[in-house]
Amino acid sequence: MSEQIIMEILRKLKDEQKIILIVHHDLSKVERYFDQLLIFNKRLIASGKTKQVFQKHNLLAAYGAHIFISEEQENDY
């Protein structure tokens, strides 16, 4: 519930042309919530539109073999 409230507030701020920077670790919601994405792990790995950046090779570069990608998600990459 609180996540929905926060995201609604952020959408309103976006509609007001505000720049919003969020640190978010729930990868299952990245594509739903964010237009632009930066992936860091001690260095910048990738940045740009979420559809272009949220890719398997960038996630592996950030998280290494410790990331779990389901077969369903695998087909999206």
PDB file of N, CA and C in Angstrom:
ATOM      1  N   MET A   1       0.816  -1.196   0.000  1.00  0.00           N
ATOM      2  CA  MET A   1       0.000   0.000   0.000  1.00  0.00           C
ATOM      3  C   MET A   1       0.859   1.260   0.000  1.00  0.00           C
ATOM      4  N   SER A   2       1.838   1.340   0.877  1.00  0.00           N
ATOM      5  CA  SER A   2       2.670   2.538   0.923  1.00  0.00           C
ATOM      6  C   SER A   2       3.468   2.715  -0.368  1.00  0.00           C
ATOM      7  N   GLU A   3       3.870   1.602  -0.979  1.00  0.00           N
ATOM      8  CA  GLU A   3       4.595   1.700  -2.257  1.00  0.00           C
ATOM      9  C   GLU A   3       3.713   2.353  -3.310  1.00  0.00           C
ATOM     10  N   GLN A   4       2.463   2.001  -3.367  1.00  0.00           N
ATOM     11  CA  GLN A   4       1.536   2.596  -4.334  1.00  0.00           C
ATOM     12  C   GLN A   4       1.373   4.097  -4.096  1.00  0.00           C
ATOM     13  N   ILE A   5       1.294   4.491  -2.850  1.00  0.00           N
ATOM     14  CA  ILE A   5       1.157   5.908  -2.514  1.00  0.00           C
ATOM     15  C   ILE A   5       2.400   6.675  -2.954  1.00  0.00           C
ATOM     16  N   ILE A   6       3.562   6.119  -2.648  1.00  0.00           N
ATOM     17  CA  ILE A   6       4.818   6.763  -3.034  1.00  0.00           C
ATOM     18  C   ILE A   6       4.925   6.883  -4.544  1.00  0.00           C
ATOM     19  N   MET A   7       4.600   5.822  -5.263  1.00  0.00           N
ATOM     20  CA  MET A   7       4.706   5.865  -6.723  1.00  0.00           C
ATOM     21  C   MET A   7       3.718   6.862  -7.328  1.00  0.00           C
ATOM     22  N   GLU A   8       2.558   7.011  -6.748  1.00  0.00           N
ATOM     23  CA  GLU A   8       1.592   8.006  -7.226  1.00  0.00           C
ATOM     24  C   GLU A   8       2.129   9.424  -7.027  1.00  0.00           C
ATOM     25  N   ILE A   9       2.728   9.678  -5.885  1.00  0.00           N
ATOM     26  CA  ILE A   9       3.347  10.987  -5.633  1.00  0.00           C
ATOM     27  C   ILE A   9       4.452  11.246  -6.654  1.00  0.00           C
ATOM     28  N   LEU A  10       5.273  10.230  -6.916  1.00  0.00           N
ATOM     29  CA  LEU A  10       6.363  10.387  -7.882  1.00  0.00           C
ATOM     30  C   LEU A  10       5.834  10.622  -9.289  1.00  0.00           C
ATOM     31  N   ARG A  11       4.744   9.968  -9.662  1.00  0.00           N
ATOM     32  CA  ARG A  11       4.126  10.207 -10.983  1.00  0.00           C
ATOM     33  C   ARG A  11       3.643  11.648 -11.107  1.00  0.00           C
ATOM     34  N   LYS A  12       3.049  12.172 -10.047  1.00  0.00           N
ATOM     35  CA  LYS A  12       2.593  13.568 -10.062  1.00  0.00           C
ATOM     36  C   LYS A  12       3.764  14.522 -10.213  1.00  0.00           C
ATOM     37  N   LEU A  13       4.851  14.249  -9.507  1.00  0.00           N
ATOM     38  CA  LEU A  13       6.046  15.084  -9.643  1.00  0.00           C
ATOM     39  C   LEU A  13       6.611  15.009 -11.060  1.00  0.00           C
ATOM     40  N   LYS A  14       6.589  13.835 -11.642  1.00  0.00           N
ATOM     41  CA  LYS A  14       7.049  13.671 -13.023  1.00  0.00           C
ATOM     42  C   LYS A  14       6.180  14.497 -13.966  1.00  0.00           C
ATOM     43  N   ASP A  15       4.872  14.456 -13.758  1.00  0.00           N
ATOM     44  CA  ASP A  15       3.948  15.238 -14.581  1.00  0.00           C
ATOM     45  C   ASP A  15       4.225  16.738 -14.469  1.00  0.00           C
ATOM     46  N   GLU A  16       4.798  17.150 -13.334  1.00  0.00           N
ATOM     47  CA  GLU A  16       5.175  18.546 -13.116  1.00  0.00           C
ATOM     48  C   GLU A  16       6.580  18.842 -13.645  1.00  0.00           C
ATOM     49  N   GLN A  17       7.138  17.897 -14.402  1.00  0.00           N
ATOM     50  CA  GLN A  17       8.458  18.044 -15.022  1.00  0.00           C
ATOM     51  C   GLN A  17       9.599  18.083 -14.009  1.00  0.00           C
ATOM     52  N   LYS A  18       9.398  17.465 -12.865  1.00  0.00           N
ATOM     53  CA  LYS A  18      10.454  17.375 -11.857  1.00  0.00           C
ATOM     54  C   LYS A  18      11.384  16.220 -12.208  1.00  0.00           C
ATOM     55  N   ILE A  19      12.640  16.377 -11.925  1.00  0.00           N
ATOM     56  CA  ILE A  19      13.606  15.299 -12.088  1.00  0.00           C
ATOM     57  C   ILE A  19      13.669  14.533 -10.776  1.00  0.00           C
ATOM     58  N   ILE A  20      13.526  13.221 -10.856  1.00  0.00           N
ATOM     59  CA  ILE A  20      13.473  12.383  -9.675  1.00  0.00           C
ATOM     60  C   ILE A  20      14.553  11.315  -9.792  1.00  0.00           C
ATOM     61  N   LEU A  21      15.357  11.191  -8.773  1.00  0.00           N
ATOM     62  CA  LEU A  21      16.391  10.162  -8.733  1.00  0.00           C
ATOM     63  C   LEU A  21      16.050   9.203  -7.598  1.00  0.00           C
ATOM     64  N   ILE A  22      15.924   7.922  -7.923  1.00  0.00           N
ATOM     65  CA  ILE A  22      15.509   6.919  -6.949  1.00  0.00           C
ATOM     66  C   ILE A  22      16.507   5.766  -6.961  1.00  0.00           C
ATOM     67  N   VAL A  23      16.868   5.298  -5.793  1.00  0.00           N
ATOM     68  CA  VAL A  23      17.635   4.067  -5.664  1.00  0.00           C
ATOM     69  C   VAL A  23      16.619   2.973  -5.360  1.00  0.00           C
ATOM     70  N   HIS A  24      16.576   1.977  -6.220  1.00  0.00           N
ATOM     71  CA  HIS A  24      15.557   0.932  -6.095  1.00  0.00           C
ATOM     72  C   HIS A  24      16.220  -0.414  -6.348  1.00  0.00           C
ATOM     73  N   HIS A  25      15.989  -1.381  -5.493  1.00  0.00           N
ATOM     74  CA  HIS A  25      16.656  -2.676  -5.627  1.00  0.00           C
ATOM     75  C   HIS A  25      15.718  -3.812  -5.994  1.00  0.00           C
ATOM     76  N   ASP A  26      14.442  -3.533  -6.169  1.00  0.00           N
ATOM     77  CA  ASP A  26      13.496  -4.567  -6.564  1.00  0.00           C
ATOM     78  C   ASP A  26      13.436  -4.605  -8.094  1.00  0.00           C
ATOM     79  N   LEU A  27      14.256  -5.444  -8.676  1.00  0.00           N
ATOM     80  CA  LEU A  27      14.375  -5.486 -10.130  1.00  0.00           C
ATOM     81  C   LEU A  27      13.087  -5.906 -10.829  1.00  0.00           C
ATOM     82  N   SER A  28      12.201  -6.561 -10.119  1.00  0.00           N
ATOM     83  CA  SER A  28      10.955  -7.010 -10.741  1.00  0.00           C
ATOM     84  C   SER A  28      10.036  -5.837 -11.095  1.00  0.00           C
ATOM     85  N   LYS A  29      10.309  -4.662 -10.550  1.00  0.00           N
ATOM     86  CA  LYS A  29       9.439  -3.514 -10.794  1.00  0.00           C
ATOM     87  C   LYS A  29      10.083  -2.419 -11.634  1.00  0.00           C
ATOM     88  N   VAL A  30      11.307  -2.600 -12.016  1.00  0.00           N
ATOM     89  CA  VAL A  30      12.047  -1.567 -12.736  1.00  0.00           C
ATOM     90  C   VAL A  30      11.332  -1.142 -14.016  1.00  0.00           C
ATOM     91  N   GLU A  31      10.956  -2.087 -14.838  1.00  0.00           N
ATOM     92  CA  GLU A  31      10.332  -1.740 -16.120  1.00  0.00           C
ATOM     93  C   GLU A  31       8.966  -1.084 -15.931  1.00  0.00           C
ATOM     94  N   ARG A  32       8.268  -1.433 -14.887  1.00  0.00           N
ATOM     95  CA  ARG A  32       6.944  -0.868 -14.630  1.00  0.00           C
ATOM     96  C   ARG A  32       7.038   0.583 -14.150  1.00  0.00           C
ATOM     97  N   TYR A  33       8.053   0.904 -13.378  1.00  0.00           N
ATOM     98  CA  TYR A  33       8.116   2.199 -12.714  1.00  0.00           C
ATOM     99  C   TYR A  33       8.965   3.265 -13.402  1.00  0.00           C
ATOM    100  N   PHE A  34      10.016   2.872 -14.102  1.00  0.00           N
ATOM    101  CA  PHE A  34      11.019   3.860 -14.492  1.00  0.00           C
ATOM    102  C   PHE A  34      11.227   3.967 -16.005  1.00  0.00           C
ATOM    103  N   ASP A  35      11.326   5.214 -16.471  1.00  0.00           N
ATOM    104  CA  ASP A  35      11.572   5.500 -17.886  1.00  0.00           C
ATOM    105  C   ASP A  35      13.056   5.408 -18.234  1.00  0.00           C
ATOM    106  N   GLN A  36      13.884   5.843 -17.309  1.00  0.00           N
ATOM    107  CA  GLN A  36      15.329   5.877 -17.492  1.00  0.00           C
ATOM    108  C   GLN A  36      15.971   5.059 -16.383  1.00  0.00           C
ATOM    109  N   LEU A  37      17.152   4.518 -16.663  1.00  0.00           N
ATOM    110  CA  LEU A  37      17.794   3.627 -15.711  1.00  0.00           C
ATOM    111  C   LEU A  37      19.304   3.830 -15.728  1.00  0.00           C
ATOM    112  N   LEU A  38      19.891   3.829 -14.545  1.00  0.00           N
ATOM    113  CA  LEU A  38      21.343   3.784 -14.380  1.00  0.00           C
ATOM    114  C   LEU A  38      21.660   2.506 -13.626  1.00  0.00           C
ATOM    115  N   ILE A  39      22.605   1.745 -14.109  1.00  0.00           N
ATOM    116  CA  ILE A  39      23.040   0.544 -13.402  1.00  0.00           C
ATOM    117  C   ILE A  39      24.488   0.762 -12.979  1.00  0.00           C
ATOM    118  N   PHE A  40      24.700   0.677 -11.663  1.00  0.00           N
ATOM    119  CA  PHE A  40      26.020   0.880 -11.068  1.00  0.00           C
ATOM    120  C   PHE A  40      26.435  -0.354 -10.289  1.00  0.00           C
ATOM    121  N   ASN A  41      27.718  -0.590 -10.241  1.00  0.00           N
ATOM    122  CA  ASN A  41      28.350  -1.481  -9.281  1.00  0.00           C
ATOM    123  C   ASN A  41      29.821  -1.082  -9.234  1.00  0.00           C
ATOM    124  N   LYS A  42      30.113  -0.135  -8.366  1.00  0.00           N
ATOM    125  CA  LYS A  42      31.446   0.454  -8.217  1.00  0.00           C
ATOM    126  C   LYS A  42      31.835   1.299  -9.419  1.00  0.00           C
ATOM    127  N   ARG A  43      31.083   1.211 -10.489  1.00  0.00           N
ATOM    128  CA  ARG A  43      31.285   2.024 -11.698  1.00  0.00           C
ATOM    129  C   ARG A  43      29.960   2.033 -12.466  1.00  0.00           C
ATOM    130  N   LEU A  44      29.834   2.969 -13.373  1.00  0.00           N
ATOM    131  CA  LEU A  44      28.641   3.014 -14.212  1.00  0.00           C
ATOM    132  C   LEU A  44      28.712   1.882 -15.231  1.00  0.00           C
ATOM    133  N   ILE A  45      27.708   1.037 -15.245  1.00  0.00           N
ATOM    134  CA  ILE A  45      27.662  -0.079 -16.188  1.00  0.00           C
ATOM    135  C   ILE A  45      26.856   0.299 -17.415  1.00  0.00           C
ATOM    136  N   ALA A  46      25.711   0.937 -17.203  1.00  0.00           N
ATOM    137  CA  ALA A  46      24.872   1.331 -18.332  1.00  0.00           C
ATOM    138  C   ALA A  46      23.910   2.420 -17.891  1.00  0.00           C
ATOM    139  N   SER A  47      23.481   3.245 -18.848  1.00  0.00           N
ATOM    140  CA  SER A  47      22.475   4.265 -18.565  1.00  0.00           C
ATOM    141  C   SER A  47      21.688   4.540 -19.831  1.00  0.00           C
ATOM    142  N   GLY A  48      20.444   4.953 -19.649  1.00  0.00           N
ATOM    143  CA  GLY A  48      19.600   5.284 -20.783  1.00  0.00           C
ATOM    144  C   GLY A  48      18.175   4.842 -20.552  1.00  0.00           C
ATOM    145  N   LYS A  49      17.444   4.688 -21.637  1.00  0.00           N
ATOM    146  CA  LYS A  49      16.056   4.248 -21.539  1.00  0.00           C
ATOM    147  C   LYS A  49      16.003   2.842 -20.950  1.00  0.00           C
ATOM    148  N   THR A  50      15.034   2.631 -20.086  1.00  0.00           N
ATOM    149  CA  THR A  50      14.941   1.365 -19.359  1.00  0.00           C
ATOM    150  C   THR A  50      14.908   0.171 -20.297  1.00  0.00           C
ATOM    151  N   LYS A  51      14.146   0.241 -21.365  1.00  0.00           N
ATOM    152  CA  LYS A  51      14.043  -0.892 -22.300  1.00  0.00           C
ATOM    153  C   LYS A  51      15.407  -1.268 -22.879  1.00  0.00           C
ATOM    154  N   GLN A  52      16.273  -0.277 -23.070  1.00  0.00           N
ATOM    155  CA  GLN A  52      17.594  -0.538 -23.652  1.00  0.00           C
ATOM    156  C   GLN A  52      18.615  -0.982 -22.606  1.00  0.00           C
ATOM    157  N   VAL A  53      18.493  -0.476 -21.400  1.00  0.00           N
ATOM    158  CA  VAL A  53      19.495  -0.719 -20.355  1.00  0.00           C
ATOM    159  C   VAL A  53      19.190  -1.965 -19.533  1.00  0.00           C
ATOM    160  N   PHE A  54      17.919  -2.235 -19.290  1.00  0.00           N
ATOM    161  CA  PHE A  54      17.516  -3.351 -18.437  1.00  0.00           C
ATOM    162  C   PHE A  54      17.616  -4.656 -19.233  1.00  0.00           C
ATOM    163  N   GLN A  55      18.849  -5.067 -19.476  1.00  0.00           N
ATOM    164  CA  GLN A  55      19.160  -6.230 -20.308  1.00  0.00           C
ATOM    165  C   GLN A  55      20.027  -7.202 -19.506  1.00  0.00           C
ATOM    166  N   LYS A  56      19.949  -8.454 -19.881  1.00  0.00           N
ATOM    167  CA  LYS A  56      20.661  -9.517 -19.158  1.00  0.00           C
ATOM    168  C   LYS A  56      22.153  -9.215 -19.028  1.00  0.00           C
ATOM    169  N   HIS A  57      22.800  -8.791 -20.106  1.00  0.00           N
ATOM    170  CA  HIS A  57      24.252  -8.573 -20.046  1.00  0.00           C
ATOM    171  C   HIS A  57      24.612  -7.456 -19.049  1.00  0.00           C
ATOM    172  N   ASN A  58      23.775  -6.430 -18.921  1.00  0.00           N
ATOM    173  CA  ASN A  58      24.034  -5.367 -17.943  1.00  0.00           C
ATOM    174  C   ASN A  58      23.785  -5.848 -16.520  1.00  0.00           C
ATOM    175  N   LEU A  59      22.750  -6.644 -16.338  1.00  0.00           N
ATOM    176  CA  LEU A  59      22.469  -7.183 -15.004  1.00  0.00           C
ATOM    177  C   LEU A  59      23.570  -8.135 -14.558  1.00  0.00           C
ATOM    178  N   LEU A  60      24.065  -8.954 -15.473  1.00  0.00           N
ATOM    179  CA  LEU A  60      25.172  -9.849 -15.138  1.00  0.00           C
ATOM    180  C   LEU A  60      26.449  -9.058 -14.814  1.00  0.00           C
ATOM    181  N   ALA A  61      26.662  -7.960 -15.539  1.00  0.00           N
ATOM    182  CA  ALA A  61      27.828  -7.121 -15.256  1.00  0.00           C
ATOM    183  C   ALA A  61      27.724  -6.491 -13.868  1.00  0.00           C
ATOM    184  N   ALA A  62      26.508  -6.166 -13.449  1.00  0.00           N
ATOM    185  CA  ALA A  62      26.306  -5.537 -12.140  1.00  0.00           C
ATOM    186  C   ALA A  62      26.303  -6.541 -11.003  1.00  0.00           C
ATOM    187  N   TYR A  63      25.624  -7.661 -11.215  1.00  0.00           N
ATOM    188  CA  TYR A  63      25.403  -8.615 -10.123  1.00  0.00           C
ATOM    189  C   TYR A  63      26.199  -9.905 -10.263  1.00  0.00           C
ATOM    190  N   GLY A  64      26.811 -10.119 -11.396  1.00  0.00           N
ATOM    191  CA  GLY A  64      27.552 -11.355 -11.620  1.00  0.00           C
ATOM    192  C   GLY A  64      26.623 -12.547 -11.663  1.00  0.00           C
ATOM    193  N   ALA A  65      27.147 -13.692 -11.386  1.00  0.00           N
ATOM    194  CA  ALA A  65      26.372 -14.929 -11.450  1.00  0.00           C
ATOM    195  C   ALA A  65      25.397 -15.054 -10.292  1.00  0.00           C
ATOM    196  N   HIS A  66      25.378 -14.081  -9.378  1.00  0.00           N
ATOM    197  CA  HIS A  66      24.522 -14.157  -8.198  1.00  0.00           C
ATOM    198  C   HIS A  66      23.088 -13.720  -8.480  1.00  0.00           C
ATOM    199  N   ILE A  67      22.822 -13.271  -9.694  1.00  0.00           N
ATOM    200  CA  ILE A  67      21.468 -12.825 -10.019  1.00  0.00           C
ATOM    201  C   ILE A  67      20.656 -14.001 -10.547  1.00  0.00           C
ATOM    202  N   PHE A  68      19.403 -14.056 -10.150  1.00  0.00           N
ATOM    203  CA  PHE A  68      18.497 -15.095 -10.613  1.00  0.00           C
ATOM    204  C   PHE A  68      17.612 -14.510 -11.700  1.00  0.00           C
ATOM    205  N   ILE A  69      17.616 -15.139 -12.851  1.00  0.00           N
ATOM    206  CA  ILE A  69      16.737 -14.742 -13.946  1.00  0.00           C
ATOM    207  C   ILE A  69      15.920 -15.968 -14.304  1.00  0.00           C
ATOM    208  N   SER A  70      14.596 -15.864 -14.134  1.00  0.00           N
ATOM    209  CA  SER A  70      13.738 -17.007 -14.420  1.00  0.00           C
ATOM    210  C   SER A  70      13.704 -17.286 -15.922  1.00  0.00           C
ATOM    211  N   GLU A  71      13.254 -18.466 -16.284  1.00  0.00           N
ATOM    212  CA  GLU A  71      13.152 -18.804 -17.706  1.00  0.00           C
ATOM    213  C   GLU A  71      12.223 -17.831 -18.428  1.00  0.00           C
ATOM    214  N   GLU A  72      11.166 -17.417 -17.758  1.00  0.00           N
ATOM    215  CA  GLU A  72      10.241 -16.443 -18.362  1.00  0.00           C
ATOM    216  C   GLU A  72      10.950 -15.140 -18.635  1.00  0.00           C
ATOM    217  N   GLN A  73      11.733 -14.649 -17.683  1.00  0.00           N
ATOM    218  CA  GLN A  73      12.481 -13.434 -17.862  1.00  0.00           C
ATOM    219  C   GLN A  73      13.575 -13.630 -18.905  1.00  0.00           C
ATOM    220  N   GLU A  74      14.169 -14.784 -18.928  1.00  0.00           N
ATOM    221  CA  GLU A  74      15.250 -15.088 -19.880  1.00  0.00           C
ATOM    222  C   GLU A  74      14.774 -14.827 -21.306  1.00  0.00           C
ATOM    223  N   ASN A  75      13.532 -15.163 -21.599  1.00  0.00           N
ATOM    224  CA  ASN A  75      12.996 -14.967 -22.948  1.00  0.00           C
ATOM    225  C   ASN A  75      12.841 -13.493 -23.297  1.00  0.00           C
ATOM    226  N   ASP A  76      12.786 -12.633 -22.290  1.00  0.00           N
ATOM    227  CA  ASP A  76      12.638 -11.200 -22.531  1.00  0.00           C
ATOM    228  C   ASP A  76      13.952 -10.540 -22.890  1.00  0.00           C
ATOM    229  N   TYR A  77      15.090 -11.204 -22.670  1.00  0.00           N
ATOM    230  CA  TYR A  77      16.386 -10.574 -22.869  1.00  0.00           C
ATOM    231  C   TYR A  77      16.982 -10.928 -24.200  1.00  0.00           C
TER     232      TYR A  77
END
